[in-house]
């Protein structure tokens, strides 16, 4: 038995048709295959901009789905 806790109503993301990107802190669980890849959007200007968004995201593509929470908390 597994218990899953999240911060707000979870969203089911089907990444079978197109690549899907999720913040690592928002991802709750995902299908066993394929494993997520790390996508980086780091730019030197991001060091000065505190509202630059996510530096790293989990990239999913292939047969499967992921569950994400609306908050990264």
PDB file of N, CA and C in Angstrom:
ATOM      1  N   UNK A   1       0.833  -1.154   0.000  1.00  0.00           N
ATOM      2  CA  UNK A   1       0.000   0.000   0.000  1.00  0.00           C
ATOM      3  C   UNK A   1       0.893   1.238   0.000  1.00  0.00           C
ATOM      4  N   UNK A   2       0.476   2.240  -0.742  1.00  0.00           N
ATOM      5  CA  UNK A   2       1.224   3.488  -0.841  1.00  0.00           C
ATOM      6  C   UNK A   2       0.280   4.648  -0.575  1.00  0.00           C
ATOM      7  N   UNK A   3       0.704   5.601   0.211  1.00  0.00           N
ATOM      8  CA  UNK A   3      -0.068   6.825   0.451  1.00  0.00           C
ATOM      9  C   UNK A   3       0.635   7.975  -0.242  1.00  0.00           C
ATOM     10  N   UNK A   4      -0.136   8.798  -0.940  1.00  0.00           N
ATOM     11  CA  UNK A   4       0.411   9.947  -1.663  1.00  0.00           C
ATOM     12  C   UNK A   4      -0.248  11.201  -1.126  1.00  0.00           C
ATOM     13  N   UNK A   5       0.560  12.188  -0.805  1.00  0.00           N
ATOM     14  CA  UNK A   5       0.059  13.460  -0.293  1.00  0.00           C
ATOM     15  C   UNK A   5       0.469  14.570  -1.248  1.00  0.00           C
ATOM     16  N   UNK A   6      -0.423  15.543  -1.441  1.00  0.00           N
ATOM     17  CA  UNK A   6      -0.083  16.662  -2.310  1.00  0.00           C
ATOM     18  C   UNK A   6      -0.622  17.956  -1.731  1.00  0.00           C
ATOM     19  N   UNK A   7      -0.276  19.061  -2.362  1.00  0.00           N
ATOM     20  CA  UNK A   7      -0.687  20.388  -1.928  1.00  0.00           C
ATOM     21  C   UNK A   7      -1.677  20.932  -2.953  1.00  0.00           C
ATOM     22  N   UNK A   8      -2.943  20.585  -2.813  1.00  0.00           N
ATOM     23  CA  UNK A   8      -3.972  20.997  -3.763  1.00  0.00           C
ATOM     24  C   UNK A   8      -4.405  19.837  -4.637  1.00  0.00           C
ATOM     25  N   UNK A   9      -5.419  20.058  -5.484  1.00  0.00           N
ATOM     26  CA  UNK A   9      -5.911  18.967  -6.335  1.00  0.00           C
ATOM     27  C   UNK A   9      -4.861  18.555  -7.381  1.00  0.00           C
ATOM     28  N   UNK A  10      -4.530  17.269  -7.462  1.00  0.00           N
ATOM     29  CA  UNK A  10      -3.507  16.823  -8.412  1.00  0.00           C
ATOM     30  C   UNK A  10      -4.016  16.861  -9.857  1.00  0.00           C
ATOM     31  N   UNK A  11      -3.084  16.954 -10.796  1.00  0.00           N
ATOM     32  CA  UNK A  11      -3.392  16.963 -12.221  1.00  0.00           C
ATOM     33  C   UNK A  11      -2.716  15.773 -12.875  1.00  0.00           C
ATOM     34  N   UNK A  12      -3.475  15.015 -13.665  1.00  0.00           N
ATOM     35  CA  UNK A  12      -2.923  13.895 -14.425  1.00  0.00           C
ATOM     36  C   UNK A  12      -2.451  14.412 -15.774  1.00  0.00           C
ATOM     37  N   UNK A  13      -1.177  14.228 -16.082  1.00  0.00           N
ATOM     38  CA  UNK A  13      -0.582  14.693 -17.337  1.00  0.00           C
ATOM     39  C   UNK A  13      -0.239  13.489 -18.216  1.00  0.00           C
ATOM     40  N   UNK A  14      -0.874  13.387 -19.363  1.00  0.00           N
ATOM     41  CA  UNK A  14      -0.587  12.312 -20.309  1.00  0.00           C
ATOM     42  C   UNK A  14       0.484  12.816 -21.265  1.00  0.00           C
ATOM     43  N   UNK A  15       1.668  12.218 -21.216  1.00  0.00           N
ATOM     44  CA  UNK A  15       2.762  12.681 -22.065  1.00  0.00           C
ATOM     45  C   UNK A  15       3.014  11.752 -23.251  1.00  0.00           C
ATOM     46  N   UNK A  16       2.033  10.931 -23.598  1.00  0.00           N
ATOM     47  CA  UNK A  16       2.177  10.007 -24.724  1.00  0.00           C
ATOM     48  C   UNK A  16       2.200  10.721 -26.072  1.00  0.00           C
ATOM     49  N   UNK A  17       1.480  11.831 -26.190  1.00  0.00           N
ATOM     50  CA  UNK A  17       1.348  12.511 -27.482  1.00  0.00           C
ATOM     51  C   UNK A  17       2.373  13.607 -27.719  1.00  0.00           C
ATOM     52  N   UNK A  18       2.814  14.239 -26.656  1.00  0.00           N
ATOM     53  CA  UNK A  18       3.778  15.340 -26.805  1.00  0.00           C
ATOM     54  C   UNK A  18       4.644  15.425 -25.559  1.00  0.00           C
ATOM     55  N   UNK A  19       5.839  15.987 -25.672  1.00  0.00           N
ATOM     56  CA  UNK A  19       6.699  16.143 -24.494  1.00  0.00           C
ATOM     57  C   UNK A  19       6.006  17.009 -23.435  1.00  0.00           C
ATOM     58  N   UNK A  20       6.197  16.656 -22.187  1.00  0.00           N
ATOM     59  CA  UNK A  20       5.590  17.368 -21.070  1.00  0.00           C
ATOM     60  C   UNK A  20       6.672  17.692 -20.056  1.00  0.00           C
ATOM     61  N   UNK A  21       6.657  18.916 -19.528  1.00  0.00           N
ATOM     62  CA  UNK A  21       7.682  19.376 -18.600  1.00  0.00           C
ATOM     63  C   UNK A  21       7.044  19.723 -17.266  1.00  0.00           C
ATOM     64  N   UNK A  22       7.661  19.273 -16.182  1.00  0.00           N
ATOM     65  CA  UNK A  22       7.122  19.466 -14.830  1.00  0.00           C
ATOM     66  C   UNK A  22       8.256  19.923 -13.916  1.00  0.00           C
ATOM     67  N   UNK A  23       7.960  20.885 -13.043  1.00  0.00           N
ATOM     68  CA  UNK A  23       8.940  21.294 -12.030  1.00  0.00           C
ATOM     69  C   UNK A  23       9.182  20.114 -11.096  1.00  0.00           C
ATOM     70  N   UNK A  24      10.435  19.832 -10.751  1.00  0.00           N
ATOM     71  CA  UNK A  24      10.731  18.680  -9.890  1.00  0.00           C
ATOM     72  C   UNK A  24       9.976  18.702  -8.560  1.00  0.00           C
ATOM     73  N   UNK A  25       9.747  19.880  -7.988  1.00  0.00           N
ATOM     74  CA  UNK A  25       9.057  19.975  -6.703  1.00  0.00           C
ATOM     75  C   UNK A  25       7.552  19.730  -6.846  1.00  0.00           C
ATOM     76  N   UNK A  26       7.017  19.851  -8.069  1.00  0.00           N
ATOM     77  CA  UNK A  26       5.584  19.655  -8.293  1.00  0.00           C
ATOM     78  C   UNK A  26       5.251  18.224  -8.701  1.00  0.00           C
ATOM     79  N   UNK A  27       6.214  17.477  -9.202  1.00  0.00           N
ATOM     80  CA  UNK A  27       5.964  16.100  -9.641  1.00  0.00           C
ATOM     81  C   UNK A  27       5.721  15.210  -8.427  1.00  0.00           C
ATOM     82  N   UNK A  28       4.660  14.417  -8.482  1.00  0.00           N
ATOM     83  CA  UNK A  28       4.334  13.509  -7.387  1.00  0.00           C
ATOM     84  C   UNK A  28       4.730  12.082  -7.751  1.00  0.00           C
ATOM     85  N   UNK A  29       4.287  11.604  -8.898  1.00  0.00           N
ATOM     86  CA  UNK A  29       4.620  10.259  -9.358  1.00  0.00           C
ATOM     87  C   UNK A  29       4.431  10.187 -10.866  1.00  0.00           C
ATOM     88  N   UNK A  30       5.000   9.139 -11.484  1.00  0.00           N
ATOM     89  CA  UNK A  30       4.900   8.963 -12.928  1.00  0.00           C
ATOM     90  C   UNK A  30       5.032   7.488 -13.267  1.00  0.00           C
ATOM     91  N   UNK A  31       4.690   7.160 -14.521  1.00  0.00           N
ATOM     92  CA  UNK A  31       4.782   5.783 -15.003  1.00  0.00           C
ATOM     93  C   UNK A  31       6.229   5.317 -14.980  1.00  0.00           C
ATOM     94  N   UNK A  32       6.418   4.024 -14.887  1.00  0.00           N
ATOM     95  CA  UNK A  32       7.772   3.458 -14.795  1.00  0.00           C
ATOM     96  C   UNK A  32       8.589   3.693 -16.065  1.00  0.00           C
ATOM     97  N   UNK A  33       7.974   3.669 -17.205  1.00  0.00           N
ATOM     98  CA  UNK A  33       8.705   3.874 -18.468  1.00  0.00           C
ATOM     99  C   UNK A  33       8.003   4.936 -19.271  1.00  0.00           C
ATOM    100  N   UNK A  34       8.681   5.867 -19.869  1.00  0.00           N
ATOM    101  CA  UNK A  34      10.111   6.095 -19.776  1.00  0.00           C
ATOM    102  C   UNK A  34      10.466   6.882 -18.522  1.00  0.00           C
ATOM    103  N   UNK A  35      11.710   6.843 -18.135  1.00  0.00           N
ATOM    104  CA  UNK A  35      12.198   7.629 -17.008  1.00  0.00           C
ATOM    105  C   UNK A  35      12.316   9.091 -17.438  1.00  0.00           C
ATOM    106  N   UNK A  36      12.078  10.037 -16.528  1.00  0.00           N
ATOM    107  CA  UNK A  36      12.185  11.448 -16.893  1.00  0.00           C
ATOM    108  C   UNK A  36      13.633  11.856 -17.165  1.00  0.00           C
ATOM    109  N   UNK A  37      13.774  12.836 -18.010  1.00  0.00           N
ATOM    110  CA  UNK A  37      15.073  13.436 -18.301  1.00  0.00           C
ATOM    111  C   UNK A  37      15.107  14.813 -17.638  1.00  0.00           C
ATOM    112  N   UNK A  38      16.284  15.307 -17.330  1.00  0.00           N
ATOM    113  CA  UNK A  38      16.436  16.647 -16.754  1.00  0.00           C
ATOM    114  C   UNK A  38      16.625  17.642 -17.893  1.00  0.00           C
ATOM    115  N   UNK A  39      15.795  18.696 -17.900  1.00  0.00           N
ATOM    116  CA  UNK A  39      15.897  19.758 -18.904  1.00  0.00           C
ATOM    117  C   UNK A  39      16.340  21.018 -18.184  1.00  0.00           C
ATOM    118  N   UNK A  40      17.361  21.670 -18.705  1.00  0.00           N
ATOM    119  CA  UNK A  40      17.892  22.874 -18.089  1.00  0.00           C
ATOM    120  C   UNK A  40      17.640  24.078 -18.990  1.00  0.00           C
ATOM    121  N   UNK A  41      17.139  25.168 -18.388  1.00  0.00           N
ATOM    122  CA  UNK A  41      16.941  26.426 -19.112  1.00  0.00           C
ATOM    123  C   UNK A  41      17.810  27.521 -18.509  1.00  0.00           C
ATOM    124  N   UNK A  42      18.942  27.137 -17.959  1.00  0.00           N
ATOM    125  CA  UNK A  42      19.801  28.104 -17.278  1.00  0.00           C
ATOM    126  C   UNK A  42      20.448  29.058 -18.273  1.00  0.00           C
ATOM    127  N   UNK A  43      20.372  30.348 -17.955  1.00  0.00           N
ATOM    128  CA  UNK A  43      21.036  31.402 -18.739  1.00  0.00           C
ATOM    129  C   UNK A  43      21.760  32.305 -17.739  1.00  0.00           C
ATOM    130  N   UNK A  44      22.847  32.864 -18.141  1.00  0.00           N
ATOM    131  CA  UNK A  44      23.626  33.718 -17.235  1.00  0.00           C
ATOM    132  C   UNK A  44      22.788  34.876 -16.695  1.00  0.00           C
ATOM    133  N   UNK A  45      21.896  35.435 -17.495  1.00  0.00           N
ATOM    134  CA  UNK A  45      21.053  36.533 -17.044  1.00  0.00           C
ATOM    135  C   UNK A  45      20.099  36.119 -15.942  1.00  0.00           C
ATOM    136  N   UNK A  46      19.842  34.819 -15.821  1.00  0.00           N
ATOM    137  CA  UNK A  46      18.930  34.322 -14.789  1.00  0.00           C
ATOM    138  C   UNK A  46      19.478  34.544 -13.391  1.00  0.00           C
ATOM    139  N   UNK A  47      20.777  34.693 -13.252  1.00  0.00           N
ATOM    140  CA  UNK A  47      21.369  34.927 -11.937  1.00  0.00           C
ATOM    141  C   UNK A  47      20.915  36.255 -11.350  1.00  0.00           C
ATOM    142  N   UNK A  48      20.635  37.228 -12.204  1.00  0.00           N
ATOM    143  CA  UNK A  48      20.225  38.547 -11.746  1.00  0.00           C
ATOM    144  C   UNK A  48      18.703  38.672 -11.651  1.00  0.00           C
ATOM    145  N   UNK A  49      17.960  37.835 -12.357  1.00  0.00           N
ATOM    146  CA  UNK A  49      16.501  37.933 -12.420  1.00  0.00           C
ATOM    147  C   UNK A  49      15.885  36.884 -11.504  1.00  0.00           C
ATOM    148  N   UNK A  50      15.292  37.303 -10.416  1.00  0.00           N
ATOM    149  CA  UNK A  50      14.713  36.367  -9.449  1.00  0.00           C
ATOM    150  C   UNK A  50      13.390  35.796  -9.941  1.00  0.00           C
ATOM    151  N   UNK A  51      12.813  36.359 -10.998  1.00  0.00           N
ATOM    152  CA  UNK A  51      11.552  35.867 -11.552  1.00  0.00           C
ATOM    153  C   UNK A  51      11.788  35.103 -12.850  1.00  0.00           C
ATOM    154  N   UNK A  52      12.929  34.493 -12.991  1.00  0.00           N
ATOM    155  CA  UNK A  52      13.300  33.845 -14.245  1.00  0.00           C
ATOM    156  C   UNK A  52      12.593  32.516 -14.472  1.00  0.00           C
ATOM    157  N   UNK A  53      11.916  31.970 -13.472  1.00  0.00           N
ATOM    158  CA  UNK A  53      11.230  30.696 -13.643  1.00  0.00           C
ATOM    159  C   UNK A  53      12.091  29.534 -13.187  1.00  0.00           C
ATOM    160  N   UNK A  54      11.798  28.379 -13.702  1.00  0.00           N
ATOM    161  CA  UNK A  54      12.488  27.160 -13.301  1.00  0.00           C
ATOM    162  C   UNK A  54      13.811  27.021 -14.037  1.00  0.00           C
ATOM    163  N   UNK A  55      14.851  26.654 -13.309  1.00  0.00           N
ATOM    164  CA  UNK A  55      16.141  26.388 -13.939  1.00  0.00           C
ATOM    165  C   UNK A  55      16.190  24.956 -14.473  1.00  0.00           C
ATOM    166  N   UNK A  56      15.542  24.041 -13.758  1.00  0.00           N
ATOM    167  CA  UNK A  56      15.527  22.642 -14.156  1.00  0.00           C
ATOM    168  C   UNK A  56      14.093  22.141 -14.152  1.00  0.00           C
ATOM    169  N   UNK A  57      13.779  21.288 -15.112  1.00  0.00           N
ATOM    170  CA  UNK A  57      12.470  20.665 -15.180  1.00  0.00           C
ATOM    171  C   UNK A  57      12.643  19.188 -15.498  1.00  0.00           C
ATOM    172  N   UNK A  58      11.651  18.390 -15.140  1.00  0.00           N
ATOM    173  CA  UNK A  58      11.619  16.991 -15.549  1.00  0.00           C
ATOM    174  C   UNK A  58      10.907  16.932 -16.885  1.00  0.00           C
ATOM    175  N   UNK A  59      11.525  16.311 -17.873  1.00  0.00           N
ATOM    176  CA  UNK A  59      10.952  16.177 -19.211  1.00  0.00           C
ATOM    177  C   UNK A  59      10.481  14.745 -19.404  1.00  0.00           C
ATOM    178  N   UNK A  60       9.206  14.580 -19.751  1.00  0.00           N
ATOM    179  CA  UNK A  60       8.621  13.272 -20.004  1.00  0.00           C
ATOM    180  C   UNK A  60       8.180  13.195 -21.458  1.00  0.00           C
ATOM    181  N   UNK A  61       8.429  12.059 -22.113  1.00  0.00           N
ATOM    182  CA  UNK A  61       7.904  11.834 -23.455  1.00  0.00           C
ATOM    183  C   UNK A  61       7.919  10.342 -23.742  1.00  0.00           C
ATOM    184  N   UNK A  62       6.837   9.849 -24.254  1.00  0.00           N
ATOM    185  CA  UNK A  62       6.692   8.430 -24.542  1.00  0.00           C
ATOM    186  C   UNK A  62       5.411   7.932 -23.906  1.00  0.00           C
ATOM    187  N   UNK A  63       5.187   6.638 -23.908  1.00  0.00           N
ATOM    188  CA  UNK A  63       3.942   6.115 -23.345  1.00  0.00           C
ATOM    189  C   UNK A  63       3.931   6.241 -21.821  1.00  0.00           C
ATOM    190  N   UNK A  64       2.904   6.897 -21.295  1.00  0.00           N
ATOM    191  CA  UNK A  64       2.798   7.015 -19.855  1.00  0.00           C
ATOM    192  C   UNK A  64       2.128   8.308 -19.422  1.00  0.00           C
ATOM    193  N   UNK A  65       2.096   8.501 -18.108  1.00  0.00           N
ATOM    194  CA  UNK A  65       1.495   9.704 -17.551  1.00  0.00           C
ATOM    195  C   UNK A  65       2.177  10.047 -16.224  1.00  0.00           C
ATOM    196  N   UNK A  66       1.981  11.278 -15.788  1.00  0.00           N
ATOM    197  CA  UNK A  66       2.554  11.755 -14.537  1.00  0.00           C
ATOM    198  C   UNK A  66       1.465  12.469 -13.754  1.00  0.00           C
ATOM    199  N   UNK A  67       1.637  12.542 -12.458  1.00  0.00           N
ATOM    200  CA  UNK A  67       0.731  13.289 -11.588  1.00  0.00           C
ATOM    201  C   UNK A  67       1.539  14.432 -10.977  1.00  0.00           C
ATOM    202  N   UNK A  68       0.978  15.654 -11.079  1.00  0.00           N
ATOM    203  CA  UNK A  68       1.654  16.839 -10.547  1.00  0.00           C
ATOM    204  C   UNK A  68       0.702  17.596  -9.638  1.00  0.00           C
ATOM    205  N   UNK A  69       1.262  18.249  -8.639  1.00  0.00           N
ATOM    206  CA  UNK A  69       0.459  19.096  -7.751  1.00  0.00           C
ATOM    207  C   UNK A  69       0.544  20.536  -8.240  1.00  0.00           C
ATOM    208  N   UNK A  70      -0.487  21.354  -7.975  1.00  0.00           N
ATOM    209  CA  UNK A  70      -0.497  22.727  -8.478  1.00  0.00           C
ATOM    210  C   UNK A  70       0.508  23.633  -7.775  1.00  0.00           C
ATOM    211  N   UNK A  71       0.990  23.234  -6.613  1.00  0.00           N
ATOM    212  CA  UNK A  71       1.940  24.042  -5.856  1.00  0.00           C
ATOM    213  C   UNK A  71       3.231  23.251  -5.681  1.00  0.00           C
ATOM    214  N   UNK A  72       4.334  23.938  -5.589  1.00  0.00           N
ATOM    215  CA  UNK A  72       5.607  23.270  -5.372  1.00  0.00           C
ATOM    216  C   UNK A  72       5.916  23.124  -3.888  1.00  0.00           C
ATOM    217  N   UNK A  73       4.968  23.493  -3.047  1.00  0.00           N
ATOM    218  CA  UNK A  73       5.151  23.484  -1.605  1.00  0.00           C
ATOM    219  C   UNK A  73       5.095  22.121  -1.056  1.00  0.00           C
TER     220      UNK A  73
END
